[in-house]
Amino acid sequence: MKIALIIENSQAAKSEIVHNALKTVVEPLGHSVHHYGMYAPEDKASLTYVMNGLLAGILLNSKAADFVVTGCGTGMGSMLACNSMPGVFCGLVIDPTDAFLFGQINDGNCLSMPYAKGFGWAAELNLQDCYRKLFEQERGAGYPKERAAIMAKNRGILKDLKAASCKDMLTVLKTVDQDLLKAAVSGEKFQELFFTNCQDDAIAAHIQGVLAR
């Protein structure tokens, strides 16, 4: 599984902590981590939590990534921005129990975490524990187990509801503020990572056009 990591500007100083915690857990499981930035507070390409959502939508809908890990100060803003995108189902994960229940009940494709609120001593251990609870076992198995079938049914209903209420991702990219879009995809390693992994030619073509402006 290709896991994309996105860090917004207010928490960019913690980028290495989050990146290392994620790699420590998921790489031994056979997953790869693609870090789309930010990498440091001084990065020229500055990502807001709104851009986090836009990037999550691009990466998941183009199949450049299978799962997105993101966050902000409280995790709330990034979660809201991600959930505004078609095909993105983002949960707010604060502790390992959140991670376990999100994976088993909701089986989403994106998580948002707080990197300021409650981010104190041994925070990197909490990050690792959250990632383990989410990625070490099969997701979507249900909890409690006897409710697995109804939970799976509800996930399908939610997916259909979102598809009915949202535009497709290419339409979003064409109608969103193009300066905002260009700022979101102008990161140091975006082109290297995205165009190598993107599986949607139409989305890739639009992004290339935006970057060429």
Protein backbone atom coordinates (compact mmCIF):
# COMPACT_ATOMS: atom_id res chain seq x y z
CA MET A 1 0.00 0.00 0.00
CA LYS A 2 1.22 3.50 -0.88
CA ILE A 3 0.73 5.80 2.11
CA ALA A 4 1.02 9.54 1.50
CA LEU A 5 2.06 11.86 4.33
CA ILE A 6 1.04 15.54 4.24
CA ILE A 7 2.06 18.06 6.92
CA GLU A 8 0.67 21.62 7.03
CA ASN A 9 2.64 24.76 7.76
CA SER A 10 1.87 25.30 11.45
CA GLN A 11 3.23 21.85 12.31
CA ALA A 12 6.06 21.59 9.77
CA ALA A 13 8.69 21.59 12.52
CA LYS A 14 7.36 18.17 13.60
CA SER A 15 7.55 16.69 10.11
CA GLU A 16 10.51 14.43 10.84
CA ILE A 17 8.95 13.09 14.06
CA VAL A 18 5.72 12.16 12.27
CA HIS A 19 7.52 10.77 9.22
CA ASN A 20 9.82 8.57 11.27
CA ALA A 21 6.98 7.26 13.45
CA LEU A 22 4.95 6.33 10.38
CA LYS A 23 7.86 4.63 8.60
CA THR A 24 8.84 2.72 11.75
CA VAL A 25 5.42 1.06 11.83
CA VAL A 26 4.34 0.62 8.22
CA GLU A 27 7.53 -0.17 6.31
CA PRO A 28 8.06 -3.52 8.12
CA LEU A 29 4.48 -4.36 7.08
CA GLY A 30 5.43 -3.94 3.42
CA HIS A 31 3.89 -0.50 2.88
CA SER A 32 5.71 2.50 1.40
CA VAL A 33 5.55 6.08 2.69
CA HIS A 34 5.60 8.97 0.23
CA HIS A 35 6.19 12.26 2.04
CA TYR A 36 4.61 15.15 0.11
CA GLY A 37 5.74 17.80 2.60
CA MET A 38 6.03 20.03 4.35
CA TYR A 39 9.51 18.99 5.42
CA ALA A 40 10.50 22.06 7.46
CA PRO A 41 8.97 25.42 8.40
CA GLU A 42 11.28 27.15 5.90
CA ASP A 43 9.92 25.27 2.86
CA LYS A 44 9.08 27.58 -0.04
CA ALA A 45 5.86 25.65 -0.70
CA SER A 46 3.71 26.33 2.35
CA LEU A 47 0.72 24.04 2.85
CA THR A 48 -2.41 25.09 4.75
CA TYR A 49 -4.90 22.59 6.13
CA VAL A 50 -7.20 23.48 3.22
CA MET A 51 -4.44 22.45 0.81
CA ASN A 52 -4.04 19.22 2.78
CA GLY A 53 -7.59 18.34 1.80
CA LEU A 54 -7.08 19.26 -1.83
CA LEU A 55 -3.90 17.16 -1.99
CA ALA A 56 -5.63 14.22 -0.32
CA GLY A 57 -8.36 14.40 -2.95
CA ILE A 58 -5.84 14.49 -5.79
CA LEU A 59 -3.73 11.64 -4.45
CA LEU A 60 -6.59 9.27 -3.60
CA ASN A 61 -8.74 9.90 -6.66
CA SER A 62 -5.77 9.53 -9.03
CA LYS A 63 -4.64 6.39 -7.16
CA ALA A 64 -1.23 7.97 -6.63
CA ALA A 65 -1.80 6.93 -3.01
CA ASP A 66 -3.95 4.29 -1.33
CA PHE A 67 -4.11 6.03 2.04
CA VAL A 68 -3.34 9.54 3.29
CA VAL A 69 -1.98 10.49 6.71
CA THR A 70 -2.31 14.18 7.49
CA GLY A 71 -3.16 16.56 10.32
CA CYS A 72 -2.83 20.06 11.72
CA GLY A 73 -2.82 21.69 15.14
CA THR A 74 -6.03 20.03 16.33
CA GLY A 75 -6.59 17.67 13.42
CA MET A 76 -10.05 19.15 12.91
CA GLY A 77 -9.28 21.52 10.04
CA SER A 78 -7.48 18.92 7.95
CA MET A 79 -10.25 16.39 8.61
CA LEU A 80 -12.91 18.83 7.42
CA ALA A 81 -10.91 19.80 4.34
CA CYS A 82 -10.25 16.17 3.43
CA ASN A 83 -13.89 15.18 3.86
CA SER A 84 -14.92 17.98 1.48
CA MET A 85 -13.23 16.06 -1.35
CA PRO A 86 -14.93 13.35 -3.44
CA GLY A 87 -13.91 9.81 -2.55
CA VAL A 88 -12.07 10.83 0.64
CA PHE A 89 -13.23 9.39 3.97
CA CYS A 90 -11.13 10.94 6.71
CA GLY A 91 -11.28 10.22 10.44
CA LEU A 92 -9.95 12.25 13.35
CA VAL A 93 -7.51 10.02 15.26
CA ILE A 94 -6.18 11.19 18.62
CA ASP A 95 -5.31 7.94 20.39
CA PRO A 96 -4.86 4.23 19.54
CA THR A 97 -8.50 3.42 20.36
CA ASP A 98 -9.63 6.01 17.78
CA ALA A 99 -7.29 4.44 15.23
CA PHE A 100 -8.56 0.91 15.91
CA LEU A 101 -12.24 1.85 15.76
CA PHE A 102 -11.80 4.02 12.66
CA GLY A 103 -10.07 1.17 10.87
CA GLN A 104 -12.50 -1.54 11.96
CA ILE A 105 -15.81 0.37 11.73
CA ASN A 106 -15.32 3.11 9.14
CA ASP A 107 -12.46 1.65 7.05
CA GLY A 108 -11.66 5.08 5.65
CA ASN A 109 -8.77 6.01 3.38
CA CYS A 110 -7.43 9.03 5.26
CA LEU A 111 -6.69 10.05 8.83
CA SER A 112 -6.07 13.42 10.41
CA MET A 113 -4.18 13.82 13.68
CA PRO A 114 -3.51 16.71 16.10
CA TYR A 115 0.15 17.68 16.08
CA ALA A 116 -0.16 20.56 18.55
CA LYS A 117 -3.09 19.84 20.89
CA GLY A 118 -1.98 17.16 23.36
CA PHE A 119 1.33 16.65 21.54
CA GLY A 120 3.62 16.38 24.55
CA TRP A 121 6.09 13.99 26.16
CA ALA A 122 6.38 10.65 24.28
CA ALA A 123 4.12 11.94 21.51
CA GLU A 124 6.05 9.86 18.98
CA LEU A 125 5.07 6.70 20.90
CA ASN A 126 1.39 7.63 20.66
CA LEU A 127 1.82 8.17 16.92
CA GLN A 128 3.39 4.73 16.51
CA ASP A 129 0.69 3.08 18.61
CA CYS A 130 -2.02 4.74 16.51
CA TYR A 131 -0.42 3.61 13.26
CA ARG A 132 -0.08 0.05 14.59
CA LYS A 133 -3.74 -0.13 15.57
CA LEU A 134 -4.70 1.04 12.10
CA PHE A 135 -2.27 -0.73 9.79
CA GLU A 136 -1.22 -3.96 11.53
CA GLN A 137 -4.51 -5.75 10.98
CA GLU A 138 -7.17 -6.13 8.34
CA ARG A 139 -9.37 -3.05 8.27
CA GLY A 140 -13.14 -3.12 8.00
CA ALA A 141 -13.59 -6.31 10.00
CA GLY A 142 -16.07 -4.59 12.31
CA TYR A 143 -16.27 -3.93 16.03
CA PRO A 144 -18.00 -5.54 17.73
CA LYS A 145 -17.72 -8.45 15.31
CA GLU A 146 -21.43 -9.22 15.36
CA ARG A 147 -22.10 -5.80 13.79
CA ALA A 148 -19.59 -6.25 10.96
CA ALA A 149 -22.24 -6.81 8.28
CA ILE A 150 -24.34 -3.74 9.11
CA MET A 151 -21.18 -1.62 9.37
CA ALA A 152 -20.08 -2.73 5.90
CA LYS A 153 -23.56 -1.94 4.56
CA ASN A 154 -23.47 1.54 6.10
CA ARG A 155 -20.03 2.21 4.58
CA GLY A 156 -21.47 1.40 1.18
CA ILE A 157 -24.44 3.69 1.75
CA LEU A 158 -22.11 6.51 2.83
CA LYS A 159 -19.93 5.97 -0.24
CA ASP A 160 -22.98 6.21 -2.51
CA LEU A 161 -24.23 9.29 -0.67
CA LYS A 162 -20.90 11.04 -1.07
CA ALA A 163 -20.74 10.17 -4.76
CA ALA A 164 -24.20 11.69 -5.21
CA SER A 165 -23.39 14.86 -3.27
CA CYS A 166 -19.89 15.57 -4.64
CA LYS A 167 -18.55 16.47 -8.07
CA ASP A 168 -15.91 14.19 -9.55
CA MET A 169 -12.29 15.09 -8.76
CA LEU A 170 -11.44 16.36 -12.25
CA THR A 171 -14.38 18.77 -12.13
CA VAL A 172 -13.22 19.93 -8.69
CA LEU A 173 -9.72 20.58 -10.05
CA LYS A 174 -11.08 22.56 -12.99
CA THR A 175 -13.39 24.73 -10.89
CA VAL A 176 -11.33 25.32 -7.75
CA ASP A 177 -9.23 28.48 -7.49
CA GLN A 178 -6.31 27.67 -9.79
CA ASP A 179 -3.83 29.72 -7.75
CA LEU A 180 -4.78 27.69 -4.68
CA LEU A 181 -4.38 24.47 -6.66
CA LYS A 182 -0.99 25.50 -8.01
CA ALA A 183 0.23 26.40 -4.52
CA ALA A 184 -0.93 23.01 -3.24
CA VAL A 185 0.94 21.02 -5.93
CA SER A 186 4.13 23.10 -5.99
CA GLY A 187 5.90 21.21 -3.22
CA GLU A 188 9.55 20.25 -3.49
CA LYS A 189 8.89 16.57 -4.26
CA PHE A 190 5.31 16.67 -5.54
CA GLN A 191 6.09 16.16 -9.22
CA GLU A 192 8.62 13.42 -8.55
CA LEU A 193 6.19 11.45 -6.36
CA PHE A 194 2.86 12.23 -8.00
CA PHE A 195 3.57 11.71 -11.68
CA THR A 196 5.43 8.47 -10.95
CA ASN A 197 2.44 7.00 -9.11
CA CYS A 198 -0.61 8.69 -10.68
CA GLN A 199 -2.96 6.31 -12.50
CA ASP A 200 -5.42 8.87 -13.88
CA ASP A 201 -4.25 10.51 -17.12
CA ALA A 202 -6.88 13.27 -17.05
CA ILE A 203 -6.01 14.39 -13.52
CA ALA A 204 -2.28 14.22 -14.34
CA ALA A 205 -2.78 16.32 -17.48
CA HIS A 206 -4.68 19.02 -15.60
CA ILE A 207 -2.06 19.18 -12.87
CA GLN A 208 0.70 19.44 -15.48
CA GLY A 209 -1.13 22.34 -17.10
CA VAL A 210 -1.51 24.14 -13.78
CA LEU A 211 2.18 23.71 -12.97
CA ALA A 212 3.19 24.99 -16.40
CA ARG A 213 1.41 28.33 -15.90
